[in-house]
């Protein structure tokens, strides 16, 4: 029997990078110079369909250390 879990990360921010903006076809892209607002909030989580969802919140970006901590915690609880 295999316990299959999906790991993913997503980030949220109050301020959007100008490179990630969308405009209608035929319109010129406009970049407004605004002040950065807030800090990035990231969520990293394990999903085991119809069984569980375990997640952690990180202020700032998720790095290799965060991934390893989450994976070690999941492995410990699986024993």
PDB file of N, CA and C in Angstrom:
ATOM      1  N   UNK A   1       0.846  -1.183   0.000  1.00  0.00           N
ATOM      2  CA  UNK A   1       0.000   0.000   0.000  1.00  0.00           C
ATOM      3  C   UNK A   1       0.893   1.247   0.000  1.00  0.00           C
ATOM      4  N   UNK A   2       0.499   2.242  -0.749  1.00  0.00           N
ATOM      5  CA  UNK A   2       1.272   3.479  -0.867  1.00  0.00           C
ATOM      6  C   UNK A   2       0.448   4.650  -0.340  1.00  0.00           C
ATOM      7  N   UNK A   3       1.047   5.474   0.508  1.00  0.00           N
ATOM      8  CA  UNK A   3       0.431   6.733   0.935  1.00  0.00           C
ATOM      9  C   UNK A   3       0.985   7.830   0.043  1.00  0.00           C
ATOM     10  N   UNK A   4       0.178   8.311  -0.885  1.00  0.00           N
ATOM     11  CA  UNK A   4       0.603   9.335  -1.833  1.00  0.00           C
ATOM     12  C   UNK A   4       0.163  10.708  -1.332  1.00  0.00           C
ATOM     13  N   UNK A   5       1.133  11.613  -1.202  1.00  0.00           N
ATOM     14  CA  UNK A   5       0.848  12.979  -0.760  1.00  0.00           C
ATOM     15  C   UNK A   5       1.448  13.954  -1.759  1.00  0.00           C
ATOM     16  N   UNK A   6       0.739  15.029  -2.007  1.00  0.00           N
ATOM     17  CA  UNK A   6       1.197  16.067  -2.920  1.00  0.00           C
ATOM     18  C   UNK A   6       1.719  17.234  -2.096  1.00  0.00           C
ATOM     19  N   UNK A   7       2.871  17.774  -2.490  1.00  0.00           N
ATOM     20  CA  UNK A   7       3.482  18.922  -1.813  1.00  0.00           C
ATOM     21  C   UNK A   7       3.475  20.099  -2.778  1.00  0.00           C
ATOM     22  N   UNK A   8       3.019  21.263  -2.286  1.00  0.00           N
ATOM     23  CA  UNK A   8       3.018  22.451  -3.131  1.00  0.00           C
ATOM     24  C   UNK A   8       3.193  23.684  -2.260  1.00  0.00           C
ATOM     25  N   UNK A   9       3.585  24.760  -2.907  1.00  0.00           N
ATOM     26  CA  UNK A   9       3.810  26.035  -2.232  1.00  0.00           C
ATOM     27  C   UNK A   9       3.200  27.140  -3.063  1.00  0.00           C
ATOM     28  N   UNK A  10       2.655  28.137  -2.372  1.00  0.00           N
ATOM     29  CA  UNK A  10       2.104  29.297  -3.066  1.00  0.00           C
ATOM     30  C   UNK A  10       2.374  30.526  -2.211  1.00  0.00           C
ATOM     31  N   UNK A  11       2.532  31.677  -2.864  1.00  0.00           N
ATOM     32  CA  UNK A  11       2.821  32.908  -2.144  1.00  0.00           C
ATOM     33  C   UNK A  11       1.810  33.988  -2.470  1.00  0.00           C
ATOM     34  N   UNK A  12       1.609  34.882  -1.504  1.00  0.00           N
ATOM     35  CA  UNK A  12       0.653  35.967  -1.642  1.00  0.00           C
ATOM     36  C   UNK A  12       1.299  37.263  -1.178  1.00  0.00           C
ATOM     37  N   UNK A  13       0.937  38.350  -1.833  1.00  0.00           N
ATOM     38  CA  UNK A  13       1.522  39.637  -1.490  1.00  0.00           C
ATOM     39  C   UNK A  13       0.500  40.733  -1.778  1.00  0.00           C
ATOM     40  N   UNK A  14       0.521  41.800  -0.970  1.00  0.00           N
ATOM     41  CA  UNK A  14      -0.381  42.928  -1.210  1.00  0.00           C
ATOM     42  C   UNK A  14       0.045  43.757  -2.407  1.00  0.00           C
ATOM     43  N   UNK A  15       1.307  43.633  -2.794  1.00  0.00           N
ATOM     44  CA  UNK A  15       1.868  44.434  -3.886  1.00  0.00           C
ATOM     45  C   UNK A  15       2.224  43.512  -5.030  1.00  0.00           C
ATOM     46  N   UNK A  16       1.774  43.809  -6.224  1.00  0.00           N
ATOM     47  CA  UNK A  16       2.033  42.960  -7.375  1.00  0.00           C
ATOM     48  C   UNK A  16       3.203  43.505  -8.195  1.00  0.00           C
ATOM     49  N   UNK A  17       4.100  42.620  -8.576  1.00  0.00           N
ATOM     50  CA  UNK A  17       5.209  43.014  -9.442  1.00  0.00           C
ATOM     51  C   UNK A  17       4.653  43.506 -10.776  1.00  0.00           C
ATOM     52  N   UNK A  18       5.186  44.597 -11.353  1.00  0.00           N
ATOM     53  CA  UNK A  18       4.681  45.087 -12.641  1.00  0.00           C
ATOM     54  C   UNK A  18       4.761  44.041 -13.753  1.00  0.00           C
ATOM     55  N   UNK A  19       5.712  43.148 -13.704  1.00  0.00           N
ATOM     56  CA  UNK A  19       5.847  42.125 -14.731  1.00  0.00           C
ATOM     57  C   UNK A  19       4.714  41.109 -14.726  1.00  0.00           C
ATOM     58  N   UNK A  20       3.924  41.065 -13.646  1.00  0.00           N
ATOM     59  CA  UNK A  20       2.834  40.107 -13.542  1.00  0.00           C
ATOM     60  C   UNK A  20       1.466  40.755 -13.784  1.00  0.00           C
ATOM     61  N   UNK A  21       1.437  41.868 -14.471  1.00  0.00           N
ATOM     62  CA  UNK A  21       0.172  42.534 -14.736  1.00  0.00           C
ATOM     63  C   UNK A  21      -0.392  42.100 -16.078  1.00  0.00           C
ATOM     64  N   UNK A  22      -1.698  42.269 -16.241  1.00  0.00           N
ATOM     65  CA  UNK A  22      -2.383  41.873 -17.471  1.00  0.00           C
ATOM     66  C   UNK A  22      -3.097  43.073 -18.073  1.00  0.00           C
ATOM     67  N   UNK A  23      -3.079  43.150 -19.388  1.00  0.00           N
ATOM     68  CA  UNK A  23      -3.768  44.217 -20.112  1.00  0.00           C
ATOM     69  C   UNK A  23      -4.478  43.613 -21.301  1.00  0.00           C
ATOM     70  N   UNK A  24      -5.521  44.292 -21.739  1.00  0.00           N
ATOM     71  CA  UNK A  24      -6.271  43.816 -22.893  1.00  0.00           C
ATOM     72  C   UNK A  24      -5.423  43.939 -24.154  1.00  0.00           C
ATOM     73  N   UNK A  25      -5.658  43.052 -25.088  1.00  0.00           N
ATOM     74  CA  UNK A  25      -4.943  43.065 -26.361  1.00  0.00           C
ATOM     75  C   UNK A  25      -5.171  44.428 -27.033  1.00  0.00           C
ATOM     76  N   UNK A  26      -4.106  45.017 -27.531  1.00  0.00           N
ATOM     77  CA  UNK A  26      -4.189  46.305 -28.208  1.00  0.00           C
ATOM     78  C   UNK A  26      -3.955  47.490 -27.283  1.00  0.00           C
ATOM     79  N   UNK A  27      -3.995  47.271 -25.960  1.00  0.00           N
ATOM     80  CA  UNK A  27      -3.724  48.355 -25.017  1.00  0.00           C
ATOM     81  C   UNK A  27      -2.248  48.363 -24.659  1.00  0.00           C
ATOM     82  N   UNK A  28      -1.721  49.551 -24.443  1.00  0.00           N
ATOM     83  CA  UNK A  28      -0.318  49.673 -24.042  1.00  0.00           C
ATOM     84  C   UNK A  28      -0.199  49.378 -22.552  1.00  0.00           C
ATOM     85  N   UNK A  29       0.819  48.640 -22.194  1.00  0.00           N
ATOM     86  CA  UNK A  29       1.056  48.296 -20.797  1.00  0.00           C
ATOM     87  C   UNK A  29       1.523  49.536 -20.049  1.00  0.00           C
ATOM     88  N   UNK A  30       0.872  49.833 -18.936  1.00  0.00           N
ATOM     89  CA  UNK A  30       1.241  50.976 -18.107  1.00  0.00           C
ATOM     90  C   UNK A  30       1.778  50.463 -16.779  1.00  0.00           C
ATOM     91  N   UNK A  31       2.867  51.012 -16.348  1.00  0.00           N
ATOM     92  CA  UNK A  31       3.450  50.627 -15.062  1.00  0.00           C
ATOM     93  C   UNK A  31       3.428  51.821 -14.123  1.00  0.00           C
ATOM     94  N   UNK A  32       2.625  51.721 -13.075  1.00  0.00           N
ATOM     95  CA  UNK A  32       2.575  52.779 -12.082  1.00  0.00           C
ATOM     96  C   UNK A  32       3.639  52.503 -11.030  1.00  0.00           C
ATOM     97  N   UNK A  33       4.342  53.529 -10.649  1.00  0.00           N
ATOM     98  CA  UNK A  33       5.349  53.399  -9.605  1.00  0.00           C
ATOM     99  C   UNK A  33       4.661  53.551  -8.255  1.00  0.00           C
ATOM    100  N   UNK A  34       4.529  52.447  -7.548  1.00  0.00           N
ATOM    101  CA  UNK A  34       3.897  52.478  -6.231  1.00  0.00           C
ATOM    102  C   UNK A  34       4.892  51.982  -5.197  1.00  0.00           C
ATOM    103  N   UNK A  35       4.612  52.301  -3.968  1.00  0.00           N
ATOM    104  CA  UNK A  35       5.453  51.819  -2.870  1.00  0.00           C
ATOM    105  C   UNK A  35       5.087  50.371  -2.572  1.00  0.00           C
ATOM    106  N   UNK A  36       6.093  49.597  -2.208  1.00  0.00           N
ATOM    107  CA  UNK A  36       5.837  48.208  -1.806  1.00  0.00           C
ATOM    108  C   UNK A  36       4.985  48.222  -0.551  1.00  0.00           C
ATOM    109  N   UNK A  37       4.024  47.316  -0.493  1.00  0.00           N
ATOM    110  CA  UNK A  37       3.143  47.244   0.664  1.00  0.00           C
ATOM    111  C   UNK A  37       3.203  45.853   1.267  1.00  0.00           C
ATOM    112  N   UNK A  38       3.424  45.777   2.542  1.00  0.00           N
ATOM    113  CA  UNK A  38       3.383  44.504   3.244  1.00  0.00           C
ATOM    114  C   UNK A  38       4.518  43.565   2.885  1.00  0.00           C
ATOM    115  N   UNK A  39       4.463  42.399   3.470  1.00  0.00           N
ATOM    116  CA  UNK A  39       5.453  41.363   3.205  1.00  0.00           C
ATOM    117  C   UNK A  39       4.760  40.174   2.578  1.00  0.00           C
ATOM    118  N   UNK A  40       5.527  39.354   1.928  1.00  0.00           N
ATOM    119  CA  UNK A  40       5.002  38.171   1.257  1.00  0.00           C
ATOM    120  C   UNK A  40       4.623  37.119   2.303  1.00  0.00           C
ATOM    121  N   UNK A  41       3.476  36.484   2.096  1.00  0.00           N
ATOM    122  CA  UNK A  41       3.028  35.379   2.926  1.00  0.00           C
ATOM    123  C   UNK A  41       2.995  34.145   2.051  1.00  0.00           C
ATOM    124  N   UNK A  42       3.695  33.114   2.461  1.00  0.00           N
ATOM    125  CA  UNK A  42       3.742  31.877   1.687  1.00  0.00           C
ATOM    126  C   UNK A  42       3.111  30.760   2.491  1.00  0.00           C
ATOM    127  N   UNK A  43       2.492  29.832   1.785  1.00  0.00           N
ATOM    128  CA  UNK A  43       1.916  28.646   2.405  1.00  0.00           C
ATOM    129  C   UNK A  43       2.513  27.428   1.707  1.00  0.00           C
ATOM    130  N   UNK A  44       2.889  26.446   2.506  1.00  0.00           N
ATOM    131  CA  UNK A  44       3.412  25.193   1.969  1.00  0.00           C
ATOM    132  C   UNK A  44       2.576  24.082   2.597  1.00  0.00           C
ATOM    133  N   UNK A  45       2.150  23.128   1.775  1.00  0.00           N
ATOM    134  CA  UNK A  45       1.267  22.121   2.324  1.00  0.00           C
ATOM    135  C   UNK A  45       1.356  20.771   1.644  1.00  0.00           C
ATOM    136  N   UNK A  46       0.948  19.752   2.407  1.00  0.00           N
ATOM    137  CA  UNK A  46       0.826  18.383   1.917  1.00  0.00           C
ATOM    138  C   UNK A  46      -0.650  18.046   1.801  1.00  0.00           C
ATOM    139  N   UNK A  47      -1.038  17.495   0.671  1.00  0.00           N
ATOM    140  CA  UNK A  47      -2.418  17.066   0.458  1.00  0.00           C
ATOM    141  C   UNK A  47      -2.436  15.572   0.203  1.00  0.00           C
ATOM    142  N   UNK A  48      -3.226  14.864   0.987  1.00  0.00           N
ATOM    143  CA  UNK A  48      -3.502  13.457   0.742  1.00  0.00           C
ATOM    144  C   UNK A  48      -5.005  13.399   0.484  1.00  0.00           C
ATOM    145  N   UNK A  49      -5.369  13.230  -0.766  1.00  0.00           N
ATOM    146  CA  UNK A  49      -6.753  13.378  -1.192  1.00  0.00           C
ATOM    147  C   UNK A  49      -7.728  12.599  -0.328  1.00  0.00           C
ATOM    148  N   UNK A  50      -8.777  13.292   0.093  1.00  0.00           N
ATOM    149  CA  UNK A  50      -9.870  12.765   0.903  1.00  0.00           C
ATOM    150  C   UNK A  50      -9.422  12.246   2.265  1.00  0.00           C
ATOM    151  N   UNK A  51      -8.182  12.543   2.661  1.00  0.00           N
ATOM    152  CA  UNK A  51      -7.707  12.078   3.967  1.00  0.00           C
ATOM    153  C   UNK A  51      -7.198  13.234   4.826  1.00  0.00           C
ATOM    154  N   UNK A  52      -6.229  14.008   4.302  1.00  0.00           N
ATOM    155  CA  UNK A  52      -5.657  15.060   5.143  1.00  0.00           C
ATOM    156  C   UNK A  52      -5.062  16.194   4.310  1.00  0.00           C
ATOM    157  N   UNK A  53      -4.922  17.336   4.970  1.00  0.00           N
ATOM    158  CA  UNK A  53      -4.223  18.495   4.416  1.00  0.00           C
ATOM    159  C   UNK A  53      -3.448  19.135   5.552  1.00  0.00           C
ATOM    160  N   UNK A  54      -2.132  19.098   5.474  1.00  0.00           N
ATOM    161  CA  UNK A  54      -1.253  19.657   6.497  1.00  0.00           C
ATOM    162  C   UNK A  54      -0.502  20.813   5.853  1.00  0.00           C
ATOM    163  N   UNK A  55      -0.474  21.967   6.537  1.00  0.00           N
ATOM    164  CA  UNK A  55       0.175  23.126   5.932  1.00  0.00           C
ATOM    165  C   UNK A  55       0.951  23.930   6.962  1.00  0.00           C
ATOM    166  N   UNK A  56       1.809  24.786   6.473  1.00  0.00           N
ATOM    167  CA  UNK A  56       2.557  25.711   7.302  1.00  0.00           C
ATOM    168  C   UNK A  56       2.613  27.062   6.612  1.00  0.00           C
ATOM    169  N   UNK A  57       2.608  28.130   7.399  1.00  0.00           N
ATOM    170  CA  UNK A  57       2.671  29.497   6.878  1.00  0.00           C
ATOM    171  C   UNK A  57       4.060  30.069   7.142  1.00  0.00           C
ATOM    172  N   UNK A  58       4.568  30.816   6.179  1.00  0.00           N
ATOM    173  CA  UNK A  58       5.896  31.416   6.287  1.00  0.00           C
ATOM    174  C   UNK A  58       5.799  32.874   5.854  1.00  0.00           C
ATOM    175  N   UNK A  59       6.336  33.777   6.664  1.00  0.00           N
ATOM    176  CA  UNK A  59       6.434  35.170   6.237  1.00  0.00           C
ATOM    177  C   UNK A  59       7.697  35.263   5.407  1.00  0.00           C
ATOM    178  N   UNK A  60       7.541  35.705   4.167  1.00  0.00           N
ATOM    179  CA  UNK A  60       8.653  35.722   3.218  1.00  0.00           C
ATOM    180  C   UNK A  60       8.516  34.523   2.288  1.00  0.00           C
ATOM    181  N   UNK A  61       9.552  34.212   1.587  1.00  0.00           N
ATOM    182  CA  UNK A  61       9.515  33.112   0.630  1.00  0.00           C
ATOM    183  C   UNK A  61       9.818  31.774   1.276  1.00  0.00           C
ATOM    184  N   UNK A  62       9.370  30.719   0.639  1.00  0.00           N
ATOM    185  CA  UNK A  62       9.667  29.354   1.089  1.00  0.00           C
ATOM    186  C   UNK A  62      10.986  28.942   0.451  1.00  0.00           C
ATOM    187  N   UNK A  63      11.919  28.498   1.279  1.00  0.00           N
ATOM    188  CA  UNK A  63      13.224  28.087   0.762  1.00  0.00           C
ATOM    189  C   UNK A  63      13.447  26.595   1.028  1.00  0.00           C
ATOM    190  N   UNK A  64      14.607  26.122   0.693  1.00  0.00           N
ATOM    191  CA  UNK A  64      14.950  24.708   0.852  1.00  0.00           C
ATOM    192  C   UNK A  64      14.807  24.254   2.309  1.00  0.00           C
ATOM    193  N   UNK A  65      15.185  25.101   3.251  1.00  0.00           N
ATOM    194  CA  UNK A  65      15.101  24.754   4.669  1.00  0.00           C
ATOM    195  C   UNK A  65      13.645  24.491   5.084  1.00  0.00           C
ATOM    196  N   UNK A  66      12.717  25.324   4.604  1.00  0.00           N
ATOM    197  CA  UNK A  66      11.295  25.137   4.910  1.00  0.00           C
ATOM    198  C   UNK A  66      10.778  23.818   4.348  1.00  0.00           C
ATOM    199  N   UNK A  67      11.153  23.515   3.106  1.00  0.00           N
ATOM    200  CA  UNK A  67      10.738  22.246   2.491  1.00  0.00           C
ATOM    201  C   UNK A  67      11.242  21.065   3.306  1.00  0.00           C
ATOM    202  N   UNK A  68      12.499  21.096   3.688  1.00  0.00           N
ATOM    203  CA  UNK A  68      13.091  19.986   4.432  1.00  0.00           C
ATOM    204  C   UNK A  68      12.415  19.827   5.786  1.00  0.00           C
ATOM    205  N   UNK A  69      12.140  20.937   6.493  1.00  0.00           N
ATOM    206  CA  UNK A  69      11.466  20.862   7.783  1.00  0.00           C
ATOM    207  C   UNK A  69      10.084  20.224   7.651  1.00  0.00           C
ATOM    208  N   UNK A  70       9.326  20.642   6.636  1.00  0.00           N
ATOM    209  CA  UNK A  70       7.998  20.075   6.434  1.00  0.00           C
ATOM    210  C   UNK A  70       8.076  18.582   6.104  1.00  0.00           C
ATOM    211  N   UNK A  71       9.027  18.201   5.251  1.00  0.00           N
ATOM    212  CA  UNK A  71       9.154  16.802   4.869  1.00  0.00           C
ATOM    213  C   UNK A  71       9.596  15.938   6.049  1.00  0.00           C
ATOM    214  N   UNK A  72      10.505  16.452   6.884  1.00  0.00           N
ATOM    215  CA  UNK A  72      10.941  15.703   8.063  1.00  0.00           C
ATOM    216  C   UNK A  72       9.805  15.537   9.064  1.00  0.00           C
ATOM    217  N   UNK A  73       9.003  16.588   9.250  1.00  0.00           N
ATOM    218  CA  UNK A  73       7.868  16.502  10.157  1.00  0.00           C
ATOM    219  C   UNK A  73       6.850  15.473   9.654  1.00  0.00           C
ATOM    220  N   UNK A  74       6.566  15.467   8.373  1.00  0.00           N
ATOM    221  CA  UNK A  74       5.644  14.498   7.789  1.00  0.00           C
ATOM    222  C   UNK A  74       6.180  13.085   7.928  1.00  0.00           C
ATOM    223  N   UNK A  75       7.475  12.898   7.715  1.00  0.00           N
ATOM    224  CA  UNK A  75       8.086  11.569   7.828  1.00  0.00           C
ATOM    225  C   UNK A  75       8.032  11.060   9.265  1.00  0.00           C
ATOM    226  N   UNK A  76       8.259  11.948  10.239  1.00  0.00           N
ATOM    227  CA  UNK A  76       8.198  11.567  11.640  1.00  0.00           C
ATOM    228  C   UNK A  76       6.791  11.116  12.033  1.00  0.00           C
ATOM    229  N   UNK A  77       5.786  11.841  11.558  1.00  0.00           N
ATOM    230  CA  UNK A  77       4.401  11.482  11.899  1.00  0.00           C
ATOM    231  C   UNK A  77       3.940  10.225  11.174  1.00  0.00           C
ATOM    232  N   UNK A  78       4.567   9.876  10.073  1.00  0.00           N
ATOM    233  CA  UNK A  78       4.186   8.691   9.309  1.00  0.00           C
ATOM    234  C   UNK A  78       4.710   7.402   9.938  1.00  0.00           C
ATOM    235  N   UNK A  79       5.709   7.518  10.810  1.00  0.00           N
ATOM    236  CA  UNK A  79       6.316   6.317  11.416  1.00  0.00           C
ATOM    237  C   UNK A  79       5.397   5.637  12.382  1.00  0.00           C
TER     238      UNK A  79
END
